[in-house]
All heavy atoms as atom14 arrays in JSON, in Angstrom:
{
  "sequence": "NTKGVEEVGRILQKEFDAIGMTTSWITMPDSMKRGGHLFAEQKGK",
  "atom14_mask": [
    [1, 1, 1, 1, 1, 1, 1, 1, 0, 0, 0, 0, 0, 0],
    [1, 1, 1, 1, 1, 1, 1, 0, 0, 0, 0, 0, 0, 0],
    [1, 1, 1, 1, 1, 1, 1, 1, 1, 0, 0, 0, 0, 0],
    [1, 1, 1, 1, 0, 0, 0, 0, 0, 0, 0, 0, 0, 0],
    [1, 1, 1, 1, 1, 1, 1, 0, 0, 0, 0, 0, 0, 0],
    [1, 1, 1, 1, 1, 1, 1, 1, 1, 0, 0, 0, 0, 0],
    [1, 1, 1, 1, 1, 1, 1, 1, 1, 0, 0, 0, 0, 0],
    [1, 1, 1, 1, 1, 1, 1, 0, 0, 0, 0, 0, 0, 0],
    [1, 1, 1, 1, 0, 0, 0, 0, 0, 0, 0, 0, 0, 0],
    [1, 1, 1, 1, 1, 1, 1, 1, 1, 1, 1, 0, 0, 0],
    [1, 1, 1, 1, 1, 1, 1, 1, 0, 0, 0, 0, 0, 0],
    [1, 1, 1, 1, 1, 1, 1, 1, 0, 0, 0, 0, 0, 0],
    [1, 1, 1, 1, 1, 1, 1, 1, 1, 0, 0, 0, 0, 0],
    [1, 1, 1, 1, 1, 1, 1, 1, 1, 0, 0, 0, 0, 0],
    [1, 1, 1, 1, 1, 1, 1, 1, 1, 0, 0, 0, 0, 0],
    [1, 1, 1, 1, 1, 1, 1, 1, 1, 1, 1, 0, 0, 0],
    [1, 1, 1, 1, 1, 1, 1, 1, 0, 0, 0, 0, 0, 0],
    [1, 1, 1, 1, 1, 0, 0, 0, 0, 0, 0, 0, 0, 0],
    [1, 1, 1, 1, 1, 1, 1, 1, 0, 0, 0, 0, 0, 0],
    [1, 1, 1, 1, 0, 0, 0, 0, 0, 0, 0, 0, 0, 0],
    [1, 1, 1, 1, 1, 1, 1, 1, 0, 0, 0, 0, 0, 0],
    [1, 1, 1, 1, 1, 1, 1, 0, 0, 0, 0, 0, 0, 0],
    [1, 1, 1, 1, 1, 1, 1, 0, 0, 0, 0, 0, 0, 0],
    [1, 1, 1, 1, 1, 1, 0, 0, 0, 0, 0, 0, 0, 0],
    [1, 1, 1, 1, 1, 1, 1, 1, 1, 1, 1, 1, 1, 1],
    [1, 1, 1, 1, 1, 1, 1, 1, 0, 0, 0, 0, 0, 0],
    [1, 1, 1, 1, 1, 1, 1, 0, 0, 0, 0, 0, 0, 0],
    [1, 1, 1, 1, 1, 1, 1, 1, 0, 0, 0, 0, 0, 0],
    [1, 1, 1, 1, 1, 1, 1, 0, 0, 0, 0, 0, 0, 0],
    [1, 1, 1, 1, 1, 1, 1, 1, 0, 0, 0, 0, 0, 0],
    [1, 1, 1, 1, 1, 1, 0, 0, 0, 0, 0, 0, 0, 0],
    [1, 1, 1, 1, 1, 1, 1, 1, 0, 0, 0, 0, 0, 0],
    [1, 1, 1, 1, 1, 1, 1, 1, 1, 0, 0, 0, 0, 0],
    [1, 1, 1, 1, 1, 1, 1, 1, 1, 1, 1, 0, 0, 0],
    [1, 1, 1, 1, 0, 0, 0, 0, 0, 0, 0, 0, 0, 0],
    [1, 1, 1, 1, 0, 0, 0, 0, 0, 0, 0, 0, 0, 0],
    [1, 1, 1, 1, 1, 1, 1, 1, 1, 1, 0, 0, 0, 0],
    [1, 1, 1, 1, 1, 1, 1, 1, 0, 0, 0, 0, 0, 0],
    [1, 1, 1, 1, 1, 1, 1, 1, 1, 1, 1, 0, 0, 0],
    [1, 1, 1, 1, 1, 0, 0, 0, 0, 0, 0, 0, 0, 0],
    [1, 1, 1, 1, 1, 1, 1, 1, 1, 0, 0, 0, 0, 0],
    [1, 1, 1, 1, 1, 1, 1, 1, 1, 0, 0, 0, 0, 0],
    [1, 1, 1, 1, 1, 1, 1, 1, 1, 0, 0, 0, 0, 0],
    [1, 1, 1, 1, 0, 0, 0, 0, 0, 0, 0, 0, 0, 0],
    [1, 1, 1, 1, 1, 1, 1, 1, 1, 0, 0, 0, 0, 0]
  ],
  "atom14_positions": [
    [[0.86, -1.19, 0.0], [0.0, 0.0, 0.0], [0.89, 1.23, 0.0], [1.11, 1.89, 1.02], [-0.92, -0.01, 1.22], [-1.85, 1.19, 1.26], [-1.97, 1.94, 0.29], [-2.52, 1.39, 2.39], [0.0, 0.0, 0.0], [0.0, 0.0, 0.0], [0.0, 0.0, 0.0], [0.0, 0.0, 0.0], [0.0, 0.0, 0.0], [0.0, 0.0, 0.0]],
    [[1.42, 1.55, -1.16], [2.43, 2.61, -1.24], [1.9, 3.97, -0.83], [2.64, 4.79, -0.27], [3.01, 2.69, -2.66], [1.95, 2.91, -3.6], [3.72, 1.38, -3.03], [0.0, 0.0, 0.0], [0.0, 0.0, 0.0], [0.0, 0.0, 0.0], [0.0, 0.0, 0.0], [0.0, 0.0, 0.0], [0.0, 0.0, 0.0], [0.0, 0.0, 0.0]],
    [[0.62, 4.24, -1.08], [0.04, 5.52, -0.66], [-0.01, 5.63, 0.85], [0.26, 6.69, 1.43], [-1.35, 5.7, -1.26], [-1.35, 5.9, -2.77], [-2.76, 6.15, -3.3], [-2.75, 6.39, -4.8], [-4.12, 6.61, -5.33], [0.0, 0.0, 0.0], [0.0, 0.0, 0.0], [0.0, 0.0, 0.0], [0.0, 0.0, 0.0], [0.0, 0.0, 0.0]],
    [[-0.38, 4.53, 1.52], [-0.4, 4.53, 2.98], [0.98, 4.69, 3.57], [1.16, 5.4, 4.58], [0.0, 0.0, 0.0], [0.0, 0.0, 0.0], [0.0, 0.0, 0.0], [0.0, 0.0, 0.0], [0.0, 0.0, 0.0], [0.0, 0.0, 0.0], [0.0, 0.0, 0.0], [0.0, 0.0, 0.0], [0.0, 0.0, 0.0], [0.0, 0.0, 0.0]],
    [[1.97, 4.03, 2.98], [3.35, 4.16, 3.44], [3.78, 5.62, 3.37], [4.36, 6.17, 4.32], [4.29, 3.26, 2.61], [5.75, 3.59, 2.91], [4.02, 1.79, 2.9], [0.0, 0.0, 0.0], [0.0, 0.0, 0.0], [0.0, 0.0, 0.0], [0.0, 0.0, 0.0], [0.0, 0.0, 0.0], [0.0, 0.0, 0.0], [0.0, 0.0, 0.0]],
    [[3.48, 6.26, 2.25], [3.88, 7.66, 2.09], [3.12, 8.56, 3.07], [3.68, 9.51, 3.61], [3.65, 8.14, 0.66], [4.09, 9.58, 0.46], [4.14, 10.02, -0.99], [3.93, 9.17, -1.87], [4.39, 11.21, -1.23], [0.0, 0.0, 0.0], [0.0, 0.0, 0.0], [0.0, 0.0, 0.0], [0.0, 0.0, 0.0], [0.0, 0.0, 0.0]],
    [[1.84, 8.27, 3.31], [1.07, 9.09, 4.24], [1.68, 9.07, 5.64], [1.82, 10.11, 6.29], [-0.38, 8.61, 4.29], [-1.28, 9.51, 5.14], [-2.73, 9.07, 5.15], [-3.08, 8.11, 4.42], [-3.52, 9.68, 5.9], [0.0, 0.0, 0.0], [0.0, 0.0, 0.0], [0.0, 0.0, 0.0], [0.0, 0.0, 0.0], [0.0, 0.0, 0.0]],
    [[2.06, 7.89, 6.1], [2.72, 7.79, 7.41], [4.05, 8.53, 7.37], [4.4, 9.27, 8.3], [2.94, 6.32, 7.8], [3.8, 6.22, 9.06], [1.6, 5.63, 8.04], [0.0, 0.0, 0.0], [0.0, 0.0, 0.0], [0.0, 0.0, 0.0], [0.0, 0.0, 0.0], [0.0, 0.0, 0.0], [0.0, 0.0, 0.0], [0.0, 0.0, 0.0]],
    [[4.79, 8.37, 6.28], [6.08, 9.03, 6.17], [5.98, 10.54, 6.17], [6.79, 11.23, 6.8], [0.0, 0.0, 0.0], [0.0, 0.0, 0.0], [0.0, 0.0, 0.0], [0.0, 0.0, 0.0], [0.0, 0.0, 0.0], [0.0, 0.0, 0.0], [0.0, 0.0, 0.0], [0.0, 0.0, 0.0], [0.0, 0.0, 0.0], [0.0, 0.0, 0.0]],
    [[4.98, 11.07, 5.5], [4.82, 12.53, 5.44], [4.48, 13.1, 6.82], [4.89, 14.21, 7.17], [3.75, 12.91, 4.43], [4.07, 12.55, 2.98], [5.31, 13.24, 2.47], [5.53, 12.98, 1.05], [6.58, 13.41, 0.36], [7.54, 14.08, 0.97], [6.68, 13.13, -0.94], [0.0, 0.0, 0.0], [0.0, 0.0, 0.0], [0.0, 0.0, 0.0]],
    [[3.7, 12.36, 7.61], [3.38, 12.81, 8.97], [4.65, 12.92, 9.79], [4.9, 13.93, 10.48], [2.37, 11.85, 9.63], [1.0, 11.98, 8.97], [2.27, 12.13, 11.13], [0.01, 10.93, 9.41], [0.0, 0.0, 0.0], [0.0, 0.0, 0.0], [0.0, 0.0, 0.0], [0.0, 0.0, 0.0], [0.0, 0.0, 0.0], [0.0, 0.0, 0.0]],
    [[5.48, 11.89, 9.73], [6.73, 11.91, 10.5], [7.72, 12.92, 9.94], [8.51, 13.51, 10.69], [7.34, 10.51, 10.52], [6.51, 9.44, 11.24], [7.24, 8.09, 11.21], [6.21, 9.84, 12.68], [0.0, 0.0, 0.0], [0.0, 0.0, 0.0], [0.0, 0.0, 0.0], [0.0, 0.0, 0.0], [0.0, 0.0, 0.0], [0.0, 0.0, 0.0]],
    [[7.68, 13.13, 8.65], [8.57, 14.12, 8.04], [8.34, 15.5, 8.65], [9.3, 16.22, 8.97], [8.36, 14.16, 6.52], [9.34, 15.08, 5.8], [9.22, 14.94, 4.28], [8.22, 14.44, 3.76], [10.24, 15.38, 3.57], [0.0, 0.0, 0.0], [0.0, 0.0, 0.0], [0.0, 0.0, 0.0], [0.0, 0.0, 0.0], [0.0, 0.0, 0.0]],
    [[7.09, 15.89, 8.84], [6.78, 17.18, 9.46], [7.33, 17.26, 10.88], [7.79, 18.31, 11.33], [5.28, 17.41, 9.46], [4.67, 17.62, 8.07], [3.16, 17.79, 8.16], [2.56, 17.97, 6.77], [1.08, 18.11, 6.82], [0.0, 0.0, 0.0], [0.0, 0.0, 0.0], [0.0, 0.0, 0.0], [0.0, 0.0, 0.0], [0.0, 0.0, 0.0]],
    [[7.28, 16.14, 11.59], [7.78, 16.13, 12.96], [9.3, 16.31, 13.01], [9.83, 17.02, 13.88], [7.39, 14.82, 13.65], [5.89, 14.58, 13.77], [5.23, 15.56, 14.72], [5.91, 16.04, 15.64], [4.02, 15.83, 14.54], [0.0, 0.0, 0.0], [0.0, 0.0, 0.0], [0.0, 0.0, 0.0], [0.0, 0.0, 0.0], [0.0, 0.0, 0.0]],
    [[10.01, 15.66, 12.1], [11.46, 15.84, 12.06], [11.83, 17.24, 11.58], [12.8, 17.84, 12.06], [12.11, 14.77, 11.16], [12.17, 13.41, 11.79], [11.36, 12.37, 11.32], [13.02, 13.15, 12.85], [11.41, 11.11, 11.89], [13.07, 11.89, 13.44], [12.26, 10.87, 12.96], [0.0, 0.0, 0.0], [0.0, 0.0, 0.0], [0.0, 0.0, 0.0]],
    [[11.05, 17.78, 10.64], [11.27, 19.17, 10.22], [11.15, 20.12, 11.41], [11.9, 21.1, 11.53], [10.24, 19.58, 9.16], [10.51, 18.95, 7.8], [11.67, 18.57, 7.53], [9.54, 18.83, 7.0], [0.0, 0.0, 0.0], [0.0, 0.0, 0.0], [0.0, 0.0, 0.0], [0.0, 0.0, 0.0], [0.0, 0.0, 0.0], [0.0, 0.0, 0.0]],
    [[10.19, 19.84, 12.3], [9.9, 20.74, 13.42], [11.04, 20.8, 14.43], [11.11, 21.76, 15.22], [8.61, 20.3, 14.12], [0.0, 0.0, 0.0], [0.0, 0.0, 0.0], [0.0, 0.0, 0.0], [0.0, 0.0, 0.0], [0.0, 0.0, 0.0], [0.0, 0.0, 0.0], [0.0, 0.0, 0.0], [0.0, 0.0, 0.0], [0.0, 0.0, 0.0]],
    [[11.93, 19.81, 14.44], [13.06, 19.86, 15.37], [14.35, 20.21, 14.64], [15.46, 19.94, 15.12], [13.21, 18.55, 16.16], [13.44, 17.35, 15.24], [11.99, 18.31, 17.04], [13.77, 16.05, 15.99], [0.0, 0.0, 0.0], [0.0, 0.0, 0.0], [0.0, 0.0, 0.0], [0.0, 0.0, 0.0], [0.0, 0.0, 0.0], [0.0, 0.0, 0.0]],
    [[14.2, 20.81, 13.47], [15.34, 21.38, 12.77], [16.16, 20.43, 11.93], [17.23, 20.8, 11.45], [0.0, 0.0, 0.0], [0.0, 0.0, 0.0], [0.0, 0.0, 0.0], [0.0, 0.0, 0.0], [0.0, 0.0, 0.0], [0.0, 0.0, 0.0], [0.0, 0.0, 0.0], [0.0, 0.0, 0.0], [0.0, 0.0, 0.0], [0.0, 0.0, 0.0]],
    [[15.66, 19.22, 11.7], [16.41, 18.28, 10.88], [16.08, 18.48, 9.41], [14.99, 18.95, 9.06], [16.1, 16.84, 11.3], [16.48, 16.55, 12.75], [16.35, 14.8, 13.22], [17.8, 14.11, 12.41], [0.0, 0.0, 0.0], [0.0, 0.0, 0.0], [0.0, 0.0, 0.0], [0.0, 0.0, 0.0], [0.0, 0.0, 0.0], [0.0, 0.0, 0.0]],
    [[17.02, 18.15, 8.56], [16.82, 18.24, 7.11], [16.25, 16.92, 6.62], [16.88, 15.87, 6.78], [18.15, 18.53, 6.39], [18.69, 19.75, 6.89], [17.93, 18.64, 4.89], [0.0, 0.0, 0.0], [0.0, 0.0, 0.0], [0.0, 0.0, 0.0], [0.0, 0.0, 0.0], [0.0, 0.0, 0.0], [0.0, 0.0, 0.0], [0.0, 0.0, 0.0]],
    [[15.05, 16.96, 6.04], [14.38, 15.73, 5.65], [14.31, 15.59, 4.13], [14.36, 16.57, 3.4], [12.95, 15.67, 6.22], [12.19, 16.78, 5.7], [12.97, 15.73, 7.74], [0.0, 0.0, 0.0], [0.0, 0.0, 0.0], [0.0, 0.0, 0.0], [0.0, 0.0, 0.0], [0.0, 0.0, 0.0], [0.0, 0.0, 0.0], [0.0, 0.0, 0.0]],
    [[14.18, 14.35, 3.71], [14.0, 14.08, 2.28], [13.13, 12.84, 2.12], [13.25, 11.89, 2.9], [15.34, 13.88, 1.57], [16.07, 12.82, 2.16], [0.0, 0.0, 0.0], [0.0, 0.0, 0.0], [0.0, 0.0, 0.0], [0.0, 0.0, 0.0], [0.0, 0.0, 0.0], [0.0, 0.0, 0.0], [0.0, 0.0, 0.0], [0.0, 0.0, 0.0]],
    [[12.25, 12.87, 1.13], [11.43, 11.71, 0.79], [12.0, 11.1, -0.47], [12.05, 11.75, -1.52], [9.97, 12.1, 0.58], [9.11, 10.91, 0.27], [8.63, 10.56, -0.96], [8.68, 9.91, 1.18], [7.92, 9.39, -0.86], [7.93, 8.96, 0.44], [8.84, 9.69, 2.54], [7.34, 7.84, 1.02], [8.27, 8.58, 3.13], [7.52, 7.66, 2.37]],
    [[12.49, 9.87, -0.37], [13.18, 9.22, -1.48], [12.2, 8.26, -2.15], [11.81, 7.24, -1.59], [14.43, 8.47, -0.98], [15.37, 9.45, -0.28], [15.13, 7.78, -2.14], [16.52, 8.79, 0.45], [0.0, 0.0, 0.0], [0.0, 0.0, 0.0], [0.0, 0.0, 0.0], [0.0, 0.0, 0.0], [0.0, 0.0, 0.0], [0.0, 0.0, 0.0]],
    [[11.79, 8.61, -3.36], [10.8, 7.83, -4.1], [11.47, 6.67, -4.83], [12.54, 6.83, -5.43], [10.07, 8.73, -5.11], [9.46, 9.81, -4.41], [8.99, 7.96, -5.85], [0.0, 0.0, 0.0], [0.0, 0.0, 0.0], [0.0, 0.0, 0.0], [0.0, 0.0, 0.0], [0.0, 0.0, 0.0], [0.0, 0.0, 0.0], [0.0, 0.0, 0.0]],
    [[10.84, 5.51, -4.78], [11.33, 4.36, -5.52], [10.7, 4.32, -6.92], [9.58, 4.83, -7.12], [10.98, 3.06, -4.78], [11.69, 2.91, -3.44], [13.49, 2.67, -3.58], [14.08, 4.34, -3.14], [0.0, 0.0, 0.0], [0.0, 0.0, 0.0], [0.0, 0.0, 0.0], [0.0, 0.0, 0.0], [0.0, 0.0, 0.0], [0.0, 0.0, 0.0]],
    [[11.37, 3.73, -7.9], [10.8, 3.64, -9.25], [9.45, 2.92, -9.25], [9.24, 1.98, -8.47], [11.85, 2.83, -10.03], [13.13, 3.03, -9.27], [12.73, 3.16, -7.83], [0.0, 0.0, 0.0], [0.0, 0.0, 0.0], [0.0, 0.0, 0.0], [0.0, 0.0, 0.0], [0.0, 0.0, 0.0], [0.0, 0.0, 0.0], [0.0, 0.0, 0.0]],
    [[8.53, 3.34, -10.11], [7.2, 2.72, -10.18], [7.28, 1.22, -10.41], [6.44, 0.46, -9.92], [6.38, 3.37, -11.3], [5.99, 4.81, -10.98], [6.05, 5.19, -9.79], [5.63, 5.55, -11.91], [0.0, 0.0, 0.0], [0.0, 0.0, 0.0], [0.0, 0.0, 0.0], [0.0, 0.0, 0.0], [0.0, 0.0, 0.0], [0.0, 0.0, 0.0]],
    [[8.28, 0.78, -11.18], [8.41, -0.64, -11.51], [8.63, -1.51, -10.27], [8.33, -2.71, -10.28], [9.57, -0.84, -12.48], [10.79, -0.39, -11.91], [0.0, 0.0, 0.0], [0.0, 0.0, 0.0], [0.0, 0.0, 0.0], [0.0, 0.0, 0.0], [0.0, 0.0, 0.0], [0.0, 0.0, 0.0], [0.0, 0.0, 0.0], [0.0, 0.0, 0.0]],
    [[9.12, -0.92, -9.17], [9.39, -1.69, -7.96], [8.13, -1.92, -7.13], [8.1, -2.82, -6.29], [10.45, -0.98, -7.11], [11.82, -1.01, -7.73], [13.06, -0.03, -6.82], [13.01, -0.81, -5.22], [0.0, 0.0, 0.0], [0.0, 0.0, 0.0], [0.0, 0.0, 0.0], [0.0, 0.0, 0.0], [0.0, 0.0, 0.0], [0.0, 0.0, 0.0]],
    [[7.1, -1.09, -7.35], [5.84, -1.22, -6.62], [6.06, -1.21, -5.1], [5.52, -2.01, -4.35], [5.09, -2.49, -7.04], [4.72, -2.5, -8.52], [3.99, -3.77, -8.92], [3.66, -3.75, -10.4], [2.96, -5.0, -10.82], [0.0, 0.0, 0.0], [0.0, 0.0, 0.0], [0.0, 0.0, 0.0], [0.0, 0.0, 0.0], [0.0, 0.0, 0.0]],
    [[6.87, -0.25, -4.66], [7.19, -0.1, -3.25], [7.13, 1.37, -2.86], [7.37, 2.26, -3.68], [8.59, -0.64, -2.93], [8.74, -2.14, -3.07], [7.91, -2.91, -2.06], [8.18, -4.33, -2.09], [7.58, -5.19, -2.91], [6.68, -4.75, -3.8], [7.86, -6.48, -2.87], [0.0, 0.0, 0.0], [0.0, 0.0, 0.0], [0.0, 0.0, 0.0]],
    [[6.81, 1.6, -1.58], [6.81, 2.96, -1.07], [8.22, 3.5, -0.96], [9.21, 2.76, -1.03], [0.0, 0.0, 0.0], [0.0, 0.0, 0.0], [0.0, 0.0, 0.0], [0.0, 0.0, 0.0], [0.0, 0.0, 0.0], [0.0, 0.0, 0.0], [0.0, 0.0, 0.0], [0.0, 0.0, 0.0], [0.0, 0.0, 0.0], [0.0, 0.0, 0.0]],
    [[8.3, 4.79, -0.76], [9.6, 5.43, -0.63], [10.16, 5.35, 0.78], [9.59, 4.7, 1.66], [0.0, 0.0, 0.0], [0.0, 0.0, 0.0], [0.0, 0.0, 0.0], [0.0, 0.0, 0.0], [0.0, 0.0, 0.0], [0.0, 0.0, 0.0], [0.0, 0.0, 0.0], [0.0, 0.0, 0.0], [0.0, 0.0, 0.0], [0.0, 0.0, 0.0]],
    [[11.26, 6.04, 0.99], [11.94, 6.07, 2.29], [12.0, 7.5, 2.81], [12.19, 8.45, 2.03], [13.37, 5.53, 2.17], [13.49, 4.24, 1.42], [12.59, 3.21, 1.58], [14.41, 3.82, 0.51], [12.97, 2.19, 0.81], [14.05, 2.55, 0.14], [0.0, 0.0, 0.0], [0.0, 0.0, 0.0], [0.0, 0.0, 0.0], [0.0, 0.0, 0.0]],
    [[11.86, 7.65, 4.11], [12.02, 8.96, 4.75], [13.39, 9.01, 5.41], [13.72, 8.15, 6.24], [10.93, 9.18, 5.8], [11.09, 10.44, 6.67], [11.06, 11.7, 5.82], [10.02, 10.49, 7.75], [0.0, 0.0, 0.0], [0.0, 0.0, 0.0], [0.0, 0.0, 0.0], [0.0, 0.0, 0.0], [0.0, 0.0, 0.0], [0.0, 0.0, 0.0]],
    [[14.19, 10.01, 5.04], [15.47, 10.25, 5.69], [15.44, 11.62, 6.34], [14.87, 12.57, 5.79], [16.61, 10.19, 4.67], [17.13, 8.8, 4.41], [16.3, 7.81, 3.9], [18.45, 8.48, 4.69], [16.77, 6.53, 3.68], [18.93, 7.19, 4.47], [18.09, 6.21, 3.95], [0.0, 0.0, 0.0], [0.0, 0.0, 0.0], [0.0, 0.0, 0.0]],
    [[16.03, 11.72, 7.52], [16.16, 12.99, 8.23], [17.58, 13.09, 8.74], [18.13, 12.1, 9.26], [15.16, 13.08, 9.38], [0.0, 0.0, 0.0], [0.0, 0.0, 0.0], [0.0, 0.0, 0.0], [0.0, 0.0, 0.0], [0.0, 0.0, 0.0], [0.0, 0.0, 0.0], [0.0, 0.0, 0.0], [0.0, 0.0, 0.0], [0.0, 0.0, 0.0]],
    [[18.19, 14.27, 8.62], [19.6, 14.39, 8.99], [19.87, 15.67, 9.76], [19.33, 16.73, 9.45], [20.5, 14.33, 7.75], [21.98, 14.38, 8.07], [22.88, 14.01, 6.9], [22.34, 13.64, 5.83], [24.11, 14.06, 7.06], [0.0, 0.0, 0.0], [0.0, 0.0, 0.0], [0.0, 0.0, 0.0], [0.0, 0.0, 0.0], [0.0, 0.0, 0.0]],
    [[20.68, 15.52, 10.78], [21.23, 16.65, 11.53], [22.74, 16.58, 11.37], [23.36, 15.58, 11.72], [20.85, 16.54, 13.0], [21.66, 17.42, 13.95], [21.32, 18.88, 13.8], [20.15, 19.24, 13.78], [22.34, 19.74, 13.68], [0.0, 0.0, 0.0], [0.0, 0.0, 0.0], [0.0, 0.0, 0.0], [0.0, 0.0, 0.0], [0.0, 0.0, 0.0]],
    [[23.35, 17.62, 10.82], [24.78, 17.61, 10.59], [25.52, 18.13, 11.82], [25.0, 18.95, 12.58], [25.14, 18.45, 9.36], [24.6, 17.87, 8.06], [25.1, 18.67, 6.87], [24.55, 18.11, 5.56], [25.04, 16.75, 5.31], [0.0, 0.0, 0.0], [0.0, 0.0, 0.0], [0.0, 0.0, 0.0], [0.0, 0.0, 0.0], [0.0, 0.0, 0.0]],
    [[26.73, 17.63, 12.03], [27.55, 18.08, 13.14], [28.86, 17.34, 13.19], [29.06, 16.35, 12.48], [0.0, 0.0, 0.0], [0.0, 0.0, 0.0], [0.0, 0.0, 0.0], [0.0, 0.0, 0.0], [0.0, 0.0, 0.0], [0.0, 0.0, 0.0], [0.0, 0.0, 0.0], [0.0, 0.0, 0.0], [0.0, 0.0, 0.0], [0.0, 0.0, 0.0]],
    [[29.73, 17.79, 14.06], [31.07, 17.22, 14.16], [31.39, 16.73, 15.57], [32.49, 16.24, 15.81], [32.12, 18.24, 13.73], [32.0, 18.67, 12.27], [33.08, 19.67, 11.89], [32.95, 20.09, 10.43], [33.99, 21.08, 10.07], [0.0, 0.0, 0.0], [0.0, 0.0, 0.0], [0.0, 0.0, 0.0], [0.0, 0.0, 0.0], [0.0, 0.0, 0.0]]
  ]
}
């Protein structure tokens, strides 16, 4: 259920955005018939 996967991911994406992390939604090719991935990153040393 790729639409449901993305819906959950978008909700969490907003939450990570709210704490200052840089987020990205990585879409998989249509041929794979799979939902994308949510990545969030905080840079530092």
